[in-house]
Protein backbone atom coordinates (compact mmCIF):
# COMPACT_ATOMS: atom_id res chain seq x y z
CA UNK A 1 8.23 -12.26 3.02
CA UNK A 2 5.18 -10.57 4.51
CA UNK A 3 4.37 -6.88 4.79
CA UNK A 4 1.48 -5.19 6.56
CA UNK A 5 -0.49 -2.67 4.52
CA UNK A 6 -2.31 0.09 6.42
CA UNK A 7 -5.17 2.00 4.82
CA UNK A 8 -6.60 5.34 5.92
CA UNK A 9 -9.63 7.52 5.13
CA UNK A 10 -10.76 7.21 1.48
CA UNK A 11 -8.49 4.21 0.81
CA UNK A 12 -9.93 2.38 3.82
CA UNK A 13 -13.48 3.17 2.71
CA UNK A 14 -12.77 2.07 -0.86
CA UNK A 15 -11.21 -1.25 0.15
CA UNK A 16 -13.34 -1.93 3.23
CA UNK A 17 -10.56 -2.98 5.63
CA UNK A 18 -8.12 -1.03 7.81
CA UNK A 19 -5.16 -3.30 7.08
CA UNK A 20 -3.98 -6.42 5.28
CA UNK A 21 -0.99 -8.73 5.44
CA UNK A 22 0.44 -9.46 1.99
CA UNK A 23 2.97 -12.13 1.00
CA UNK A 24 5.53 -11.07 -1.60
CA UNK A 25 8.72 -12.53 -3.08
CA UNK A 26 11.97 -11.32 -1.52
CA UNK A 27 13.27 -8.17 -3.21
CA UNK A 28 9.79 -6.87 -4.08
CA UNK A 29 9.30 -3.12 -4.43
CA UNK A 30 6.46 -0.81 -3.46
CA UNK A 31 5.39 -0.93 -7.12
CA UNK A 32 5.23 -4.75 -6.95
CA UNK A 33 3.09 -4.52 -3.82
CA UNK A 34 0.66 -2.07 -5.43
CA UNK A 35 0.31 -4.34 -8.45
CA UNK A 36 -0.37 -7.33 -6.19
CA UNK A 37 -2.98 -5.35 -4.24
CA UNK A 38 -4.80 -4.25 -7.41
CA UNK A 39 -4.86 -7.88 -8.50
CA UNK A 40 -6.98 -8.71 -5.45
CA UNK A 41 -9.93 -7.04 -7.20
CA UNK A 42 -12.80 -5.26 -5.50
CA UNK A 43 -11.90 -1.89 -4.01
CA UNK A 44 -8.18 -2.69 -4.33
CA UNK A 45 -8.53 -2.39 -8.08
CA UNK A 46 -9.56 1.27 -7.66
CA UNK A 47 -6.45 2.46 -5.82
CA UNK A 48 -4.89 5.51 -7.52
CA UNK A 49 -2.11 4.81 -10.04
CA UNK A 50 0.57 6.31 -7.78
CA UNK A 51 -0.71 6.75 -4.22
CA UNK A 52 1.48 8.36 -1.59
CA UNK A 53 3.19 5.56 0.31
CA UNK A 54 5.14 5.41 3.54
CA UNK A 55 7.29 2.44 4.51
CA UNK A 56 7.94 2.23 8.23
CA UNK A 57 6.64 5.80 8.63
CA UNK A 58 8.90 7.32 5.96
CA UNK A 59 7.69 8.38 2.52
CA UNK A 60 8.84 5.95 -0.15
CA UNK A 61 8.92 5.76 -3.95
CA UNK A 62 7.64 2.95 -6.14
CA UNK A 63 11.22 1.68 -6.54
CA UNK A 64 11.75 1.28 -2.78
CA UNK A 65 12.62 -2.31 -1.92
CA UNK A 66 10.54 -3.87 0.83
CA UNK A 67 11.74 -6.19 3.61
CA UNK A 68 9.98 -8.82 5.65
CA UNK A 69 7.91 -7.22 8.39
CA UNK A 70 7.71 -3.76 6.81
CA UNK A 71 4.67 -1.61 7.53
CA UNK A 72 3.40 0.06 4.36
CA UNK A 73 0.85 2.88 4.69
CA UNK A 74 -1.21 3.99 1.71
CA UNK A 75 -1.78 7.67 2.35
CA UNK A 76 -4.90 9.24 0.84
CA UNK A 77 -4.87 12.71 -0.70
CA UNK A 78 -5.49 15.47 1.78
CA UNK A 79 -7.45 18.63 1.03
CA UNK A 80 -7.66 21.67 3.15
CA UNK A 81 -7.57 25.36 3.17
């Protein structure tokens, strides 16, 4: 299966691309995806241990199972005041 990973703000700057298409085995979880991304090296390796993630525009946990065609957004921390 393939999922599209979207990166924003600090994550986009760290990795150097706004998005990527990643192939994963069926039944993979968000945690599996993050491990695969870190294995790509470069800026991917520096992603936070547990970034906020949304799958198809809904927040998801590391145990969330992904499906072919899912859109996975890695959401950077937000500061404000």
